[in-house]
Amino acid sequence: MSTFVIYAIGYLILLAGLIYGAVLLGIATQWIIVGGLVMLGLGIAMGVGKTRTKDVSTDQH
């Protein structure tokens, strides 16, 4: 299993917990959806940034 998949699974569990908490607090559904989508986008961007392999330089100077 790749590092990104493990990171994504953990982030989805965190996101699900936050959404559940927001529902219990009585926050309006449209704001839960907006917040969830924003956090999902941030999670994907952070996951790619943290798990991406660095480009190897071909310059042999």
PDB file of N, CA and C in Angstrom:
ATOM      1  N   MET A   1       0.847  -1.171   0.000  1.00  0.00           N
ATOM      2  CA  MET A   1       0.000   0.000   0.000  1.00  0.00           C
ATOM      3  C   MET A   1       0.900   1.244   0.000  1.00  0.00           C
ATOM      4  N   SER A   2       0.615   2.178  -0.885  1.00  0.00           N
ATOM      5  CA  SER A   2       1.477   3.351  -1.002  1.00  0.00           C
ATOM      6  C   SER A   2       1.267   4.309   0.172  1.00  0.00           C
ATOM      7  N   THR A   3       2.234   5.168   0.359  1.00  0.00           N
ATOM      8  CA  THR A   3       2.171   6.144   1.434  1.00  0.00           C
ATOM      9  C   THR A   3       0.975   7.069   1.260  1.00  0.00           C
ATOM     10  N   PHE A   4       0.680   7.448   0.009  1.00  0.00           N
ATOM     11  CA  PHE A   4      -0.451   8.341  -0.243  1.00  0.00           C
ATOM     12  C   PHE A   4      -1.763   7.687   0.162  1.00  0.00           C
ATOM     13  N   VAL A   5      -1.926   6.401  -0.122  1.00  0.00           N
ATOM     14  CA  VAL A   5      -3.171   5.706   0.220  1.00  0.00           C
ATOM     15  C   VAL A   5      -3.350   5.669   1.733  1.00  0.00           C
ATOM     16  N   ILE A   6      -2.290   5.386   2.460  1.00  0.00           N
ATOM     17  CA  ILE A   6      -2.362   5.360   3.921  1.00  0.00           C
ATOM     18  C   ILE A   6      -2.710   6.751   4.453  1.00  0.00           C
ATOM     19  N   TYR A   7      -2.075   7.783   3.898  1.00  0.00           N
ATOM     20  CA  TYR A   7      -2.369   9.163   4.297  1.00  0.00           C
ATOM     21  C   TYR A   7      -3.821   9.506   3.997  1.00  0.00           C
ATOM     22  N   ALA A   8      -4.308   9.121   2.817  1.00  0.00           N
ATOM     23  CA  ALA A   8      -5.684   9.429   2.410  1.00  0.00           C
ATOM     24  C   ALA A   8      -6.695   8.732   3.315  1.00  0.00           C
ATOM     25  N   ILE A   9      -6.439   7.489   3.677  1.00  0.00           N
ATOM     26  CA  ILE A   9      -7.352   6.761   4.563  1.00  0.00           C
ATOM     27  C   ILE A   9      -7.427   7.449   5.927  1.00  0.00           C
ATOM     28  N   GLY A  10      -6.292   7.820   6.471  1.00  0.00           N
ATOM     29  CA  GLY A  10      -6.273   8.520   7.753  1.00  0.00           C
ATOM     30  C   GLY A  10      -6.986   9.855   7.687  1.00  0.00           C
ATOM     31  N   TYR A  11      -6.784  10.579   6.591  1.00  0.00           N
ATOM     32  CA  TYR A  11      -7.430  11.885   6.442  1.00  0.00           C
ATOM     33  C   TYR A  11      -8.938  11.729   6.295  1.00  0.00           C
ATOM     34  N   LEU A  12      -9.382  10.695   5.590  1.00  0.00           N
ATOM     35  CA  LEU A  12     -10.820  10.458   5.442  1.00  0.00           C
ATOM     36  C   LEU A  12     -11.469  10.097   6.777  1.00  0.00           C
ATOM     37  N   ILE A  13     -10.759   9.340   7.608  1.00  0.00           N
ATOM     38  CA  ILE A  13     -11.281   9.017   8.940  1.00  0.00           C
ATOM     39  C   ILE A  13     -11.407  10.292   9.772  1.00  0.00           C
ATOM     40  N   LEU A  14     -10.395  11.161   9.710  1.00  0.00           N
ATOM     41  CA  LEU A  14     -10.453  12.443  10.409  1.00  0.00           C
ATOM     42  C   LEU A  14     -11.616  13.287   9.900  1.00  0.00           C
ATOM     43  N   LEU A  15     -11.773  13.364   8.587  1.00  0.00           N
ATOM     44  CA  LEU A  15     -12.847  14.150   7.984  1.00  0.00           C
ATOM     45  C   LEU A  15     -14.220  13.612   8.386  1.00  0.00           C
ATOM     46  N   ALA A  16     -14.365  12.295   8.400  1.00  0.00           N
ATOM     47  CA  ALA A  16     -15.641  11.693   8.803  1.00  0.00           C
ATOM     48  C   ALA A  16     -15.970  12.042  10.252  1.00  0.00           C
ATOM     49  N   GLY A  17     -14.974  12.023  11.124  1.00  0.00           N
ATOM     50  CA  GLY A  17     -15.199  12.392  12.519  1.00  0.00           C
ATOM     51  C   GLY A  17     -15.610  13.846  12.675  1.00  0.00           C
ATOM     52  N   LEU A  18     -14.979  14.727  11.915  1.00  0.00           N
ATOM     53  CA  LEU A  18     -15.335  16.143  11.985  1.00  0.00           C
ATOM     54  C   LEU A  18     -16.741  16.393  11.445  1.00  0.00           C
ATOM     55  N   ILE A  19     -17.102  15.706  10.373  1.00  0.00           N
ATOM     56  CA  ILE A  19     -18.453  15.850   9.819  1.00  0.00           C
ATOM     57  C   ILE A  19     -19.487  15.335  10.817  1.00  0.00           C
ATOM     58  N   TYR A  20     -19.211  14.205  11.441  1.00  0.00           N
ATOM     59  CA  TYR A  20     -20.127  13.657  12.442  1.00  0.00           C
ATOM     60  C   TYR A  20     -20.305  14.636  13.602  1.00  0.00           C
ATOM     61  N   GLY A  21     -19.206  15.227  14.055  1.00  0.00           N
ATOM     62  CA  GLY A  21     -19.288  16.216  15.123  1.00  0.00           C
ATOM     63  C   GLY A  21     -20.099  17.438  14.721  1.00  0.00           C
ATOM     64  N   ALA A  22     -19.932  17.879  13.475  1.00  0.00           N
ATOM     65  CA  ALA A  22     -20.698  19.033  12.990  1.00  0.00           C
ATOM     66  C   ALA A  22     -22.187  18.718  12.940  1.00  0.00           C
ATOM     67  N   VAL A  23     -22.532  17.494  12.553  1.00  0.00           N
ATOM     68  CA  VAL A  23     -23.942  17.089  12.527  1.00  0.00           C
ATOM     69  C   VAL A  23     -24.504  17.086  13.949  1.00  0.00           C
ATOM     70  N   LEU A  24     -23.743  16.568  14.901  1.00  0.00           N
ATOM     71  CA  LEU A  24     -24.203  16.541  16.292  1.00  0.00           C
ATOM     72  C   LEU A  24     -24.377  17.946  16.863  1.00  0.00           C
ATOM     73  N   LEU A  25     -23.561  18.894  16.387  1.00  0.00           N
ATOM     74  CA  LEU A  25     -23.682  20.276  16.850  1.00  0.00           C
ATOM     75  C   LEU A  25     -24.842  21.013  16.198  1.00  0.00           C
ATOM     76  N   GLY A  26     -25.431  20.425  15.178  1.00  0.00           N
ATOM     77  CA  GLY A  26     -26.577  21.046  14.522  1.00  0.00           C
ATOM     78  C   GLY A  26     -26.219  22.077  13.471  1.00  0.00           C
ATOM     79  N   ILE A  27     -25.010  21.995  12.937  1.00  0.00           N
ATOM     80  CA  ILE A  27     -24.596  22.927  11.884  1.00  0.00           C
ATOM     81  C   ILE A  27     -25.381  22.603  10.615  1.00  0.00           C
ATOM     82  N   ALA A  28     -25.756  23.642   9.871  1.00  0.00           N
ATOM     83  CA  ALA A  28     -26.560  23.469   8.659  1.00  0.00           C
ATOM     84  C   ALA A  28     -25.840  22.568   7.650  1.00  0.00           C
ATOM     85  N   THR A  29     -26.613  21.730   6.984  1.00  0.00           N
ATOM     86  CA  THR A  29     -26.060  20.729   6.069  1.00  0.00           C
ATOM     87  C   THR A  29     -25.221  21.353   4.964  1.00  0.00           C
ATOM     88  N   GLN A  30     -25.659  22.478   4.407  1.00  0.00           N
ATOM     89  CA  GLN A  30     -24.903  23.069   3.303  1.00  0.00           C
ATOM     90  C   GLN A  30     -23.516  23.512   3.757  1.00  0.00           C
ATOM     91  N   TRP A  31     -23.378  23.963   5.003  1.00  0.00           N
ATOM     92  CA  TRP A  31     -22.065  24.367   5.499  1.00  0.00           C
ATOM     93  C   TRP A  31     -21.187  23.157   5.815  1.00  0.00           C
ATOM     94  N   ILE A  32     -21.794  22.072   6.223  1.00  0.00           N
ATOM     95  CA  ILE A  32     -21.031  20.840   6.438  1.00  0.00           C
ATOM     96  C   ILE A  32     -20.467  20.355   5.110  1.00  0.00           C
ATOM     97  N   ILE A  33     -21.282  20.413   4.054  1.00  0.00           N
ATOM     98  CA  ILE A  33     -20.823  19.985   2.727  1.00  0.00           C
ATOM     99  C   ILE A  33     -19.702  20.889   2.230  1.00  0.00           C
ATOM    100  N   VAL A  34     -19.884  22.204   2.364  1.00  0.00           N
ATOM    101  CA  VAL A  34     -18.851  23.149   1.916  1.00  0.00           C
ATOM    102  C   VAL A  34     -17.547  22.907   2.676  1.00  0.00           C
ATOM    103  N   GLY A  35     -17.629  22.810   3.982  1.00  0.00           N
ATOM    104  CA  GLY A  35     -16.432  22.568   4.782  1.00  0.00           C
ATOM    105  C   GLY A  35     -15.774  21.238   4.460  1.00  0.00           C
ATOM    106  N   GLY A  36     -16.591  20.207   4.244  1.00  0.00           N
ATOM    107  CA  GLY A  36     -16.046  18.895   3.902  1.00  0.00           C
ATOM    108  C   GLY A  36     -15.323  18.901   2.569  1.00  0.00           C
ATOM    109  N   LEU A  37     -15.892  19.581   1.580  1.00  0.00           N
ATOM    110  CA  LEU A  37     -15.242  19.653   0.266  1.00  0.00           C
ATOM    111  C   LEU A  37     -13.942  20.450   0.320  1.00  0.00           C
ATOM    112  N   VAL A  38     -13.944  21.546   1.070  1.00  0.00           N
ATOM    113  CA  VAL A  38     -12.718  22.334   1.215  1.00  0.00           C
ATOM    114  C   VAL A  38     -11.641  21.506   1.901  1.00  0.00           C
ATOM    115  N   MET A  39     -12.014  20.824   2.983  1.00  0.00           N
ATOM    116  CA  MET A  39     -11.031  20.002   3.694  1.00  0.00           C
ATOM    117  C   MET A  39     -10.551  18.834   2.847  1.00  0.00           C
ATOM    118  N   LEU A  40     -11.442  18.253   2.039  1.00  0.00           N
ATOM    119  CA  LEU A  40     -11.039  17.166   1.151  1.00  0.00           C
ATOM    120  C   LEU A  40     -10.015  17.662   0.134  1.00  0.00           C
ATOM    121  N   GLY A  41     -10.256  18.823  -0.449  1.00  0.00           N
ATOM    122  CA  GLY A  41      -9.299  19.399  -1.394  1.00  0.00           C
ATOM    123  C   GLY A  41      -7.958  19.687  -0.754  1.00  0.00           C
ATOM    124  N   LEU A  42      -7.982  20.261   0.441  1.00  0.00           N
ATOM    125  CA  LEU A  42      -6.734  20.523   1.160  1.00  0.00           C
ATOM    126  C   LEU A  42      -6.006  19.228   1.503  1.00  0.00           C
ATOM    127  N   GLY A  43      -6.760  18.216   1.884  1.00  0.00           N
ATOM    128  CA  GLY A  43      -6.150  16.928   2.222  1.00  0.00           C
ATOM    129  C   GLY A  43      -5.467  16.287   1.033  1.00  0.00           C
ATOM    130  N   ILE A  44      -6.100  16.357  -0.131  1.00  0.00           N
ATOM    131  CA  ILE A  44      -5.487  15.799  -1.339  1.00  0.00           C
ATOM    132  C   ILE A  44      -4.221  16.571  -1.688  1.00  0.00           C
ATOM    133  N   ALA A  45      -4.292  17.902  -1.640  1.00  0.00           N
ATOM    134  CA  ALA A  45      -3.122  18.720  -1.959  1.00  0.00           C
ATOM    135  C   ALA A  45      -1.975  18.452  -0.985  1.00  0.00           C
ATOM    136  N   MET A  46      -2.276  18.354   0.301  1.00  0.00           N
ATOM    137  CA  MET A  46      -1.237  18.080   1.289  1.00  0.00           C
ATOM    138  C   MET A  46      -0.679  16.673   1.124  1.00  0.00           C
ATOM    139  N   GLY A  47      -1.547  15.711   0.837  1.00  0.00           N
ATOM    140  CA  GLY A  47      -1.088  14.337   0.659  1.00  0.00           C
ATOM    141  C   GLY A  47      -0.160  14.186  -0.524  1.00  0.00           C
ATOM    142  N   VAL A  48      -0.501  14.824  -1.624  1.00  0.00           N
ATOM    143  CA  VAL A  48       0.359  14.764  -2.809  1.00  0.00           C
ATOM    144  C   VAL A  48       1.684  15.451  -2.516  1.00  0.00           C
ATOM    145  N   GLY A  49       1.627  16.586  -1.841  1.00  0.00           N
ATOM    146  CA  GLY A  49       2.856  17.312  -1.520  1.00  0.00           C
ATOM    147  C   GLY A  49       3.772  16.547  -0.583  1.00  0.00           C
ATOM    148  N   LYS A  50       3.208  15.816   0.353  1.00  0.00           N
ATOM    149  CA  LYS A  50       4.032  15.095   1.327  1.00  0.00           C
ATOM    150  C   LYS A  50       4.538  13.756   0.808  1.00  0.00           C
ATOM    151  N   THR A  51       3.841  13.161  -0.139  1.00  0.00           N
ATOM    152  CA  THR A  51       4.224  11.821  -0.578  1.00  0.00           C
ATOM    153  C   THR A  51       4.857  11.798  -1.960  1.00  0.00           C
ATOM    154  N   ARG A  52       4.893  12.939  -2.633  1.00  0.00           N
ATOM    155  CA  ARG A  52       5.482  12.989  -3.973  1.00  0.00           C
ATOM    156  C   ARG A  52       6.981  12.769  -3.889  1.00  0.00           C
ATOM    157  N   THR A  53       7.517  11.979  -4.808  1.00  0.00           N
ATOM    158  CA  THR A  53       8.960  11.782  -4.841  1.00  0.00           C
ATOM    159  C   THR A  53       9.602  12.997  -5.488  1.00  0.00           C
ATOM    160  N   LYS A  54      10.760  13.355  -5.018  1.00  0.00           N
ATOM    161  CA  LYS A  54      11.465  14.519  -5.533  1.00  0.00           C
ATOM    162  C   LYS A  54      12.050  14.205  -6.908  1.00  0.00           C
ATOM    163  N   ASP A  55      12.073  15.219  -7.776  1.00  0.00           N
ATOM    164  CA  ASP A  55      12.649  15.058  -9.102  1.00  0.00           C
ATOM    165  C   ASP A  55      14.155  14.873  -8.978  1.00  0.00           C
ATOM    166  N   VAL A  56      14.675  13.906  -9.722  1.00  0.00           N
ATOM    167  CA  VAL A  56      16.101  13.625  -9.704  1.00  0.00           C
ATOM    168  C   VAL A  56      16.773  14.495 -10.753  1.00  0.00           C
ATOM    169  N   SER A  57      17.831  15.177 -10.355  1.00  0.00           N
ATOM    170  CA  SER A  57      18.558  16.040 -11.277  1.00  0.00           C
ATOM    171  C   SER A  57      19.419  15.185 -12.200  1.00  0.00           C
ATOM    172  N   THR A  58      19.375  15.487 -13.492  1.00  0.00           N
ATOM    173  CA  THR A  58      20.200  14.747 -14.460  1.00  0.00           C
ATOM    174  C   THR A  58      21.496  15.476 -14.740  1.00  0.00           C
ATOM    175  N   ASP A  59      21.692  16.638 -14.133  1.00  0.00           N
ATOM    176  CA  ASP A  59      22.905  17.427 -14.333  1.00  0.00           C
ATOM    177  C   ASP A  59      24.039  16.769 -13.551  1.00  0.00           C
ATOM    178  N   GLN A  60      25.136  16.418 -14.226  1.00  0.00           N
ATOM    179  CA  GLN A  60      26.244  15.682 -13.610  1.00  0.00           C
ATOM    180  C   GLN A  60      27.461  16.573 -13.368  1.00  0.00           C
ATOM    181  N   HIS A  61      27.296  17.877 -13.129  1.00  0.00           N
ATOM    182  CA  HIS A  61      28.435  18.782 -12.943  1.00  0.00           C
ATOM    183  C   HIS A  61      29.046  18.551 -11.629  1.00  0.00           C
TER     184      HIS A  61
END
